[in-house]
Amino acid sequence: MAKLAASGQTIAVAETSAGGLISAKLLAQPGASKFYLGGVVTYTEASKTDLIGVDASKSRPTATEPHAYELAAAVRAKLGSDWAIGETGVAGPAPNSRGIAPGVCAIAVLGPGKRRLTKSLWPDDQLNASDAYGQAPKLPREDRMQHFSAAAIDLLCDAIAVEHGDL
């Protein structure tokens, strides 16, 4: 995050199943006031619409990379940040209304210009998108939320490293 602060760039966050933990990890960094513009936990369709302007009638399914991208783009536009994180997933303990298993999460990081990284997490490293339905939870809800937030910060760090030519 030091590179964000040093470059004068800012970040905003829209998260769902991480429940504010992504923002908490960013705010725990020294100098957060130089780069962190704000974050929202958009846990429902109504909050996504009311808080950051996502049109629920046109939105992609939750817990997918396209939806994570929508959240990131919407919060970046709303707060005017250089960078944004969008996170959408299923913390559990049960599958979501579409049958997506706990542990499935999608993250998008948008940076200056057209910089974009996305990542999906599955309940088990051996699973993929087609297997992610009906899998038994492997971690407690709180652990999943921590896992989602850590993965989002890792993806942000990767994107910043690419932006600054460190990778």
Foldseek 3Di string as FASTA:
>chain_A
DVLCLVVQFAEEEEEELLQCVLVVVLVVDPPSVSHYQYYDHQHDPVSLCVPQNDDPVPADDFLDQRNQVVSQVSRCVVRVGQKYKGKTAALDPAAPPVQFHHLWMKMWMAGHDGQIDIDITAQDPVDDPVRRGPDHHPDHSNVSSVVRSVVRVVVVVVSVCVVVVND
